[in-house]
Each structure stands twice: as structure tokens, then as C-alpha cells.
Amino acid sequence: MRLHRQAASLLAAEESERHRRVVLVIDEAHLLSPAQLEELRLLTNAEMDSASPFAGILVGQPVLARQLRMGFFAALDQRIATRFALGPMDLGESAKYLRHHLALAGRTDPLIADDAVARLHRVANGLPRALNNAAVAALIAAASAGKALVDDACAKKAVAELTRD
């Protein structure tokens, strides 16, 4: 509890003395323990709802939303003013996403055939992290086959590799 009071005091001082609004960003928030979520709730309760001592952004997997809706976390859930959930990408967005990442790596000409992109998109369900993993596996498959272009056969091999038990 001493640490909680100290954190609340530091947050209040940052705003009152330095006129700065603290923004606390917690990535992978779905991995927070119930005790940590309770500490976060207590921290938001510092001024008894008259003013929040900080702006908080919780970033996490869909399980976070389900966890917050549980009765135990109702008080914290009620303090969330804005919610946003990213849905899966459609095929066009997945293709643009892959092209963008390839461009960041310095590749401007096509590296993945359209039918391979479609297969990778399907196996990833449009989810960026899963698409990254599938694309890397497809690139490895193409390299091991000595191909300059990831074709559907490489994508199929990558999907088989990723989905095997």
C-alpha cells in the first residue's frame, strides 16, 4: 500500500508541479494478473473519481475485454472511457500489409504471388502477427526451394509447417 500511495503522489505532483499529463501505456495488458489489475484500479481511484491521476491505455488481446467484464473487475471496467478493437484484415489489407513490410526491408518488386498471399491470409485469419509468422515460413520455404518468388506451393508448405501438431 505504501508503494501505491507513493505512485499516486508522484502522478499528482507531475500534473500539479510540472503541468504534465501522465499517459500510462500497458502493452500485453491481457497478461496482467488480477492483483495487478486491482492495483491499477486503486491507482485510478486516487482522487475518488473527481479527477483521474493519469490517462491509461490498455493494449491487449480480446481476452482482456472478457476479463474486464467479469464482476470482479467491474470498477475498473467502468473507468474505461473509450474502447477500440481491431478486427482482422481483409485480403486487400493483408496484401498491402505484406507489401509495406517488404518495402521497409528494401524490397520494392513483388516477392509473394497473389495466390500465395491469399493462402497466407486465410491461414492467418487476417491477424497481423499470424500473417507475419506465415509469411516468414513461406519465405523460408521459397529460399529452401531456391525460388525467387514465394508461390502458392511455398505458401502451402509454410501452412503445413505452421499447422502440424
Protein backbone atom coordinates (compact mmCIF):
# COMPACT_ATOMS: atom_id res chain seq x y z
CA MET A 1 0.00 0.00 0.00
CA ARG A 2 2.96 2.31 0.64
CA LEU A 3 4.06 1.92 -2.99
CA HIS A 4 0.51 2.70 -4.13
CA ARG A 5 0.46 5.95 -2.13
CA GLN A 6 3.89 6.89 -3.45
CA ALA A 7 2.82 6.28 -7.07
CA ALA A 8 -0.37 8.32 -6.57
CA SER A 9 1.66 11.14 -5.05
CA LEU A 10 4.14 11.15 -7.94
CA LEU A 11 1.34 11.21 -10.50
CA ALA A 12 -0.35 14.12 -8.74
CA ALA A 13 2.95 16.01 -8.50
CA GLU A 14 3.66 15.56 -12.19
CA GLU A 15 0.39 17.26 -13.06
CA SER A 16 0.33 19.97 -10.37
CA GLU A 17 4.01 20.94 -10.37
CA ARG A 18 5.07 20.30 -13.95
CA HIS A 19 1.66 20.70 -15.61
CA ARG A 20 2.12 17.45 -17.46
CA ARG A 21 -0.48 14.79 -18.01
CA VAL A 22 0.92 11.31 -17.44
CA VAL A 23 -0.05 8.70 -20.01
CA LEU A 24 0.48 5.13 -18.90
CA VAL A 25 0.53 2.64 -21.78
CA ILE A 26 0.38 -1.03 -20.85
CA ASP A 27 1.01 -3.33 -23.77
CA GLU A 28 0.09 -7.01 -23.46
CA ALA A 29 -2.34 -5.95 -20.72
CA HIS A 30 -4.15 -9.28 -21.04
CA LEU A 31 -1.16 -10.76 -19.20
CA LEU A 32 -1.72 -8.63 -16.10
CA SER A 33 -2.61 -10.65 -13.03
CA PRO A 34 -5.83 -9.97 -11.13
CA ALA A 35 -3.71 -8.36 -8.39
CA GLN A 36 -2.08 -6.03 -10.92
CA LEU A 37 -5.43 -5.07 -12.39
CA GLU A 38 -6.65 -4.31 -8.88
CA GLU A 39 -3.60 -2.10 -8.28
CA LEU A 40 -4.39 -0.26 -11.49
CA ARG A 41 -7.97 0.24 -10.32
CA LEU A 42 -6.76 1.58 -6.98
CA LEU A 43 -4.43 3.97 -8.76
CA THR A 44 -7.30 5.31 -10.89
CA ASN A 45 -9.31 5.76 -7.71
CA ALA A 46 -6.77 8.13 -6.12
CA GLU A 47 -8.99 11.20 -6.31
CA MET A 48 -12.27 9.36 -5.77
CA ASP A 49 -13.39 9.88 -9.38
CA SER A 50 -13.13 13.69 -9.27
CA ALA A 51 -10.04 13.62 -11.46
CA SER A 52 -8.00 10.77 -12.82
CA PRO A 53 -4.32 10.99 -11.90
CA PHE A 54 -3.28 9.72 -15.35
CA ALA A 55 -4.55 8.69 -18.72
CA GLY A 56 -4.23 4.96 -19.21
CA ILE A 57 -4.13 2.92 -22.38
CA LEU A 58 -4.51 -0.82 -22.07
CA VAL A 59 -3.47 -2.78 -25.15
CA GLY A 60 -4.15 -6.48 -25.24
CA GLN A 61 -5.72 -9.50 -26.82
CA PRO A 62 -9.54 -9.96 -26.84
CA VAL A 63 -9.30 -11.94 -23.60
CA LEU A 64 -8.60 -8.61 -21.83
CA ALA A 65 -12.08 -7.29 -22.66
CA ARG A 66 -13.65 -10.51 -21.40
CA GLN A 67 -11.57 -10.37 -18.22
CA LEU A 68 -12.58 -6.78 -17.51
CA ARG A 69 -16.27 -7.60 -17.97
CA MET A 70 -16.05 -10.11 -15.13
CA GLY A 71 -17.78 -8.86 -12.00
CA PHE A 72 -14.54 -8.74 -10.04
CA PHE A 73 -13.16 -6.03 -12.33
CA ALA A 74 -16.40 -4.05 -12.74
CA ALA A 75 -15.00 -0.96 -11.01
CA LEU A 76 -12.01 -0.83 -13.37
CA ASP A 77 -14.18 -1.62 -16.38
CA GLN A 78 -16.45 1.32 -15.51
CA ARG A 79 -13.49 3.69 -15.58
CA ILE A 80 -12.69 2.90 -19.21
CA ALA A 81 -13.97 5.83 -21.25
CA THR A 82 -13.11 4.68 -24.76
CA ARG A 83 -12.74 1.22 -26.23
CA PHE A 84 -11.41 0.19 -29.57
CA ALA A 85 -10.90 -3.24 -31.02
CA LEU A 86 -9.01 -4.01 -34.20
CA GLY A 87 -10.73 -6.54 -36.36
CA PRO A 88 -8.94 -8.88 -38.72
CA MET A 89 -7.62 -7.50 -42.01
CA ASP A 90 -9.37 -8.35 -45.24
CA LEU A 91 -7.41 -9.86 -48.13
CA GLY A 92 -6.59 -6.47 -49.65
CA GLU A 93 -5.33 -5.13 -46.34
CA SER A 94 -3.23 -8.25 -45.81
CA ALA A 95 -1.65 -7.80 -49.24
CA LYS A 96 -0.90 -4.12 -48.52
CA TYR A 97 0.46 -5.07 -45.09
CA LEU A 98 2.88 -7.60 -46.61
CA ARG A 99 3.96 -5.18 -49.36
CA HIS A 100 4.56 -2.47 -46.75
CA HIS A 101 6.75 -4.74 -44.62
CA LEU A 102 8.68 -5.90 -47.65
CA ALA A 103 9.20 -2.25 -48.68
CA LEU A 104 10.52 -1.47 -45.19
CA ALA A 105 13.03 -4.27 -45.73
CA GLY A 106 14.04 -2.68 -49.05
CA ARG A 107 12.07 -4.90 -51.41
CA THR A 108 10.05 -2.92 -53.96
CA ASP A 109 9.32 -5.58 -56.58
CA PRO A 110 6.83 -8.40 -55.90
CA LEU A 111 8.13 -11.20 -53.71
CA ILE A 112 4.92 -13.05 -52.89
CA ALA A 113 2.49 -14.16 -55.60
CA ASP A 114 -1.15 -13.19 -55.26
CA ASP A 115 -2.36 -16.76 -54.73
CA ALA A 116 0.27 -17.23 -52.02
CA VAL A 117 -0.87 -14.02 -50.30
CA ALA A 118 -4.45 -15.33 -50.38
CA ARG A 119 -3.40 -18.64 -48.79
CA LEU A 120 -1.32 -16.89 -46.10
CA HIS A 121 -4.19 -14.51 -45.38
CA ARG A 122 -6.62 -17.41 -44.95
CA VAL A 123 -4.39 -19.34 -42.58
CA ALA A 124 -3.70 -16.18 -40.56
CA ASN A 125 -7.39 -15.24 -40.42
CA GLY A 126 -6.30 -11.69 -41.23
CA LEU A 127 -4.39 -11.31 -37.97
CA PRO A 128 -1.13 -9.38 -38.37
CA ARG A 129 1.05 -11.44 -36.03
CA ALA A 130 -0.16 -14.72 -37.54
CA LEU A 131 0.35 -13.28 -41.04
CA ASN A 132 3.92 -12.31 -40.12
CA ASN A 133 4.64 -15.87 -38.98
CA ALA A 134 3.07 -17.40 -42.08
CA ALA A 135 4.94 -15.03 -44.41
CA VAL A 136 8.28 -15.78 -42.75
CA ALA A 137 7.63 -19.51 -43.05
CA ALA A 138 6.72 -19.03 -46.73
CA LEU A 139 9.87 -17.01 -47.36
CA ILE A 140 11.94 -19.78 -45.77
CA ALA A 141 10.15 -22.37 -47.91
CA ALA A 142 10.89 -20.34 -51.06
CA ALA A 143 14.54 -19.87 -50.11
CA SER A 144 14.99 -23.56 -49.37
CA ALA A 145 13.47 -24.40 -52.77
CA GLY A 146 15.74 -21.87 -54.48
CA LYS A 147 12.80 -19.78 -55.70
CA ALA A 148 12.96 -16.01 -56.18
CA LEU A 149 9.19 -15.69 -55.70
CA VAL A 150 7.00 -17.12 -52.97
CA ASP A 151 4.43 -19.07 -54.96
CA ASP A 152 1.38 -20.97 -53.75
CA ALA A 153 3.41 -24.17 -53.35
CA CYS A 154 5.74 -22.37 -50.92
CA ALA A 155 2.78 -20.89 -49.06
CA LYS A 156 1.16 -24.33 -48.89
CA LYS A 157 4.37 -25.81 -47.48
CA ALA A 158 4.56 -22.99 -44.92
CA VAL A 159 0.94 -23.51 -43.88
CA ALA A 160 1.57 -27.25 -43.46
CA GLU A 161 4.59 -26.47 -41.30
CA LEU A 162 2.68 -23.99 -39.15
CA THR A 163 -0.38 -26.17 -38.65
CA ARG A 164 1.27 -29.51 -37.94
CA ASP A 165 0.97 -30.93 -34.47
